[in-house]
C-alpha atoms as a PDB file:
ATOM      1  CA  LEU A   1      35.826  -4.392  75.601  1.00  0.00           C
ATOM      2  CA  SER A   2      35.840  -7.229  73.075  1.00  0.00           C
ATOM      3  CA  VAL A   3      38.470  -8.975  72.044  1.00  0.00           C
ATOM      4  CA  TYR A   4      38.968 -10.905  69.554  1.00  0.00           C
ATOM      5  CA  PRO A   5      42.095 -13.604  69.437  1.00  0.00           C
ATOM      6  CA  LYS A   6      42.430 -14.969  66.849  1.00  0.00           C
ATOM      7  CA  GLY A   7      40.349 -11.458  64.726  1.00  0.00           C
ATOM      8  CA  ASP A   8      36.657 -11.060  64.073  1.00  0.00           C
ATOM      9  CA  SER A   9      35.775 -11.735  60.747  1.00  0.00           C
ATOM     10  CA  ARG A  10      37.522  -8.911  58.982  1.00  0.00           C
ATOM     11  CA  ALA A  11      41.036 -10.341  59.916  1.00  0.00           C
ATOM     12  CA  LYS A  12      41.998 -13.441  59.527  1.00  0.00           C
ATOM     13  CA  GLU A  13      45.323 -12.561  60.913  1.00  0.00           C
ATOM     14  CA  SER A  14      45.122  -9.973  63.390  1.00  0.00           C
ATOM     15  CA  LEU A  15      44.025 -10.358  66.846  1.00  0.00           C
ATOM     16  CA  SER A  16      40.774  -7.717  66.798  1.00  0.00           C
ATOM     17  CA  CYS A  17      40.283  -5.535  69.518  1.00  0.00           C
ATOM     18  CA  PHE A  18      36.841  -3.123  70.492  1.00  0.00           C
ATOM     19  CA  LEU A  19      35.271  -1.010  73.139  1.00  0.00           C
ATOM     20  CA  LYS A  20      31.628  -1.910  73.568  1.00  0.00           C
ATOM     21  CA  LEU A  21      28.187   0.052  74.253  1.00  0.00           C
ATOM     22  CA  HIS A  22      26.763  -1.962  77.382  1.00  0.00           C
ATOM     23  CA  SER A  23      22.939  -0.461  77.524  1.00  0.00           C
ATOM     24  CA  SER A  24      20.208  -1.266  79.173  1.00  0.00           C
ATOM     25  CA  HIS A  25      17.827  -1.003  76.834  1.00  0.00           C
ATOM     26  CA  SER A  26      14.499   0.582  77.611  1.00  0.00           C
ATOM     27  CA  ILE A  27      11.246   0.380  75.499  1.00  0.00           C
ATOM     28  CA  PHE A  28      10.922   4.349  75.531  1.00  0.00           C
ATOM     29  CA  PHE A  29      14.357   5.600  75.546  1.00  0.00           C
ATOM     30  CA  GLN A  30      17.575   5.428  72.782  1.00  0.00           C
ATOM     31  CA  ARG A  31      20.784   6.634  73.930  1.00  0.00           C
ATOM     32  CA  LYS A  32      24.101   7.230  72.553  1.00  0.00           C
ATOM     33  CA  VAL A  33      27.400   7.600  73.456  1.00  0.00           C
ATOM     34  CA  TYR A  34      30.402   9.993  72.145  1.00  0.00           C
ATOM     35  CA  VAL A  35      33.502   8.659  73.376  1.00  0.00           C
ATOM     36  CA  GLU A  36      37.153   9.480  72.612  1.00  0.00           C
ATOM     37  CA  PHE A  37      39.176   6.598  73.783  1.00  0.00           C
ATOM     38  CA  LYS A  38      42.874   4.366  73.161  1.00  0.00           C
ATOM     39  CA  LEU A  39      43.242   0.900  73.723  1.00  0.00           C
ATOM     40  CA  SER A  40      46.188  -0.459  74.233  1.00  0.00           C
ATOM     41  CA  ILE A  41      47.769  -3.699  74.744  1.00  0.00           C
ATOM     42  CA  LYS A  42      50.647  -4.058  77.015  1.00  0.00           C
ATOM     43  CA  ASN A  43      54.526  -4.660  76.204  1.00  0.00           C
ATOM     44  CA  GLN A  44      55.294  -6.786  79.164  1.00  0.00           C
ATOM     45  CA  PHE A  45      59.606  -5.718  79.117  1.00  0.00           C
ATOM     46  CA  GLY A  46      58.586  -1.869  79.547  1.00  0.00           C
ATOM     47  CA  MET A  47      58.974  -1.644  75.571  1.00  0.00           C
ATOM     48  CA  SER A  48      56.607   0.777  73.202  1.00  0.00           C
ATOM     49  CA  HIS A  49      53.440  -0.369  73.908  1.00  0.00           C
ATOM     50  CA  ARG A  50      50.498  -0.838  70.605  1.00  0.00           C
ATOM     51  CA  GLU A  51      47.616   1.384  71.294  1.00  0.00           C
ATOM     52  CA  HIS A  52      45.501   2.829  68.772  1.00  0.00           C
ATOM     53  CA  LYS A  53      42.967   5.814  69.121  1.00  0.00           C
ATOM     54  CA  ASP A  54      40.121   7.299  68.167  1.00  0.00           C
ATOM     55  CA  ASN A  55      36.369   8.751  68.651  1.00  0.00           C
ATOM     56  CA  ALA A  56      32.314   7.124  67.806  1.00  0.00           C
ATOM     57  CA  TRP A  57      28.997   8.205  68.819  1.00  0.00           C
ATOM     58  CA  MET A  58      27.597   4.526  69.923  1.00  0.00           C
ATOM     59  CA  GLY A  59      24.560   3.619  69.978  1.00  0.00           C
ATOM     60  CA  GLY A  60      21.016   3.113  68.255  1.00  0.00           C
ATOM     61  CA  SER A  61      22.161   0.789  65.417  1.00  0.00           C
ATOM     62  CA  VAL A  62      26.056   1.058  66.276  1.00  0.00           C
ATOM     63  CA  ASN A  63      27.090  -0.353  69.958  1.00  0.00           C
ATOM     64  CA  GLY A  64      30.867  -1.127  69.523  1.00  0.00           C
ATOM     65  CA  TRP A  65      33.825   0.751  68.215  1.00  0.00           C
ATOM     66  CA  GLY A  66      37.560   0.136  67.625  1.00  0.00           C
ATOM     67  CA  PHE A  67      40.090  -2.255  65.153  1.00  0.00           C
ATOM     68  CA  ALA A  68      39.574  -5.235  63.374  1.00  0.00           C
ATOM     69  CA  ASN A  69      43.515  -5.171  62.449  1.00  0.00           C
ATOM     70  CA  PHE A  70      44.462  -3.435  65.849  1.00  0.00           C
ATOM     71  CA  ILE A  71      47.371  -5.860  66.640  1.00  0.00           C
ATOM     72  CA  PRO A  72      49.123  -9.020  64.024  1.00  0.00           C
ATOM     73  CA  LEU A  73      49.506 -12.510  65.454  1.00  0.00           C
ATOM     74  CA  LYS A  74      53.099 -13.098  64.818  1.00  0.00           C
ATOM     75  CA  ASP A  75      53.727 -10.088  66.967  1.00  0.00           C
ATOM     76  CA  LEU A  76      51.790 -10.941  69.806  1.00  0.00           C
ATOM     77  CA  GLN A  77      52.880 -14.924  69.405  1.00  0.00           C
ATOM     78  CA  ASP A  78      56.164 -14.201  69.157  1.00  0.00           C
ATOM     79  CA  MET A  79      57.444 -14.217  73.286  1.00  0.00           C
ATOM     80  CA  SER A  80      60.662 -12.036  72.811  1.00  0.00           C
ATOM     81  CA  LYS A  81      58.330  -8.851  72.051  1.00  0.00           C
ATOM     82  CA  GLY A  82      56.725  -8.764  75.242  1.00  0.00           C
ATOM     83  CA  PHE A  83      52.929  -9.218  74.575  1.00  0.00           C
ATOM     84  CA  ALA A  84      52.106 -12.367  75.307  1.00  0.00           C
ATOM     85  CA  VAL A  85      54.200 -13.792  78.740  1.00  0.00           C
ATOM     86  CA  LEU A  86      53.535 -16.392  80.242  1.00  0.00           C
ATOM     87  CA  ASP A  87      49.972 -16.662  78.322  1.00  0.00           C
ATOM     88  CA  ALA A  88      49.087 -13.226  79.205  1.00  0.00           C
ATOM     89  CA  VAL A  89      47.500 -10.383  77.653  1.00  0.00           C
ATOM     90  CA  ILE A  90      47.486  -6.683  79.694  1.00  0.00           C
ATOM     91  CA  PHE A  91      45.083  -4.740  78.033  1.00  0.00           C
ATOM     92  CA  GLU A  92      44.003  -0.809  78.455  1.00  0.00           C
ATOM     93  CA  VAL A  93      41.406   0.967  78.320  1.00  0.00           C
ATOM     94  CA  GLU A  94      41.843   4.937  78.090  1.00  0.00           C
ATOM     95  CA  ILE A  95      38.514   7.365  77.952  1.00  0.00           C
ATOM     96  CA  THR A  96      39.683  10.923  77.718  1.00  0.00           C
ATOM     97  CA  ALA A  97      36.261  12.336  76.723  1.00  0.00           C
ATOM     98  CA  ILE A  98      32.692  11.064  77.226  1.00  0.00           C
ATOM     99  CA  SER A  99      28.766  12.945  75.899  1.00  0.00           C
ATOM    100  CA  GLU A 100      25.686  11.180  76.402  1.00  0.00           C
ATOM    101  CA  ILE A 101      22.221  11.933  74.647  1.00  0.00           C
ATOM    102  CA  LYS A 102      19.165  10.088  75.091  1.00  0.00           C
ATOM    103  CA  TYR A 103      15.943  10.688  73.073  1.00  0.00           C
ATOM    104  CA  GLY A 104      11.913   9.365  72.810  1.00  0.00           C
ATOM    105  CA  VAL A 105      11.101   6.405  70.079  1.00  0.00           C
END
């Protein structure tokens, strides 16, 4: 999970969050991984969480997938909204499907 607290290069006023594929690259084989996932920031007051779902093939030139505008910084910084409490934010990743293919180079 890669998190950019002040946004990545595409989002300056939102937190950005991405699921990343960590792979030890072989010079003989590459792999692609299909994943269906949900990324969440938990509301620590137990109210509605901020969730985003997606699916992607990762690997090759694409090693991550996610959301540049995951949550506006104004919502994250507003302590009454419950996403950041005592400087702590809780992330959750749920992977509902995963498949892998390997291919020679």
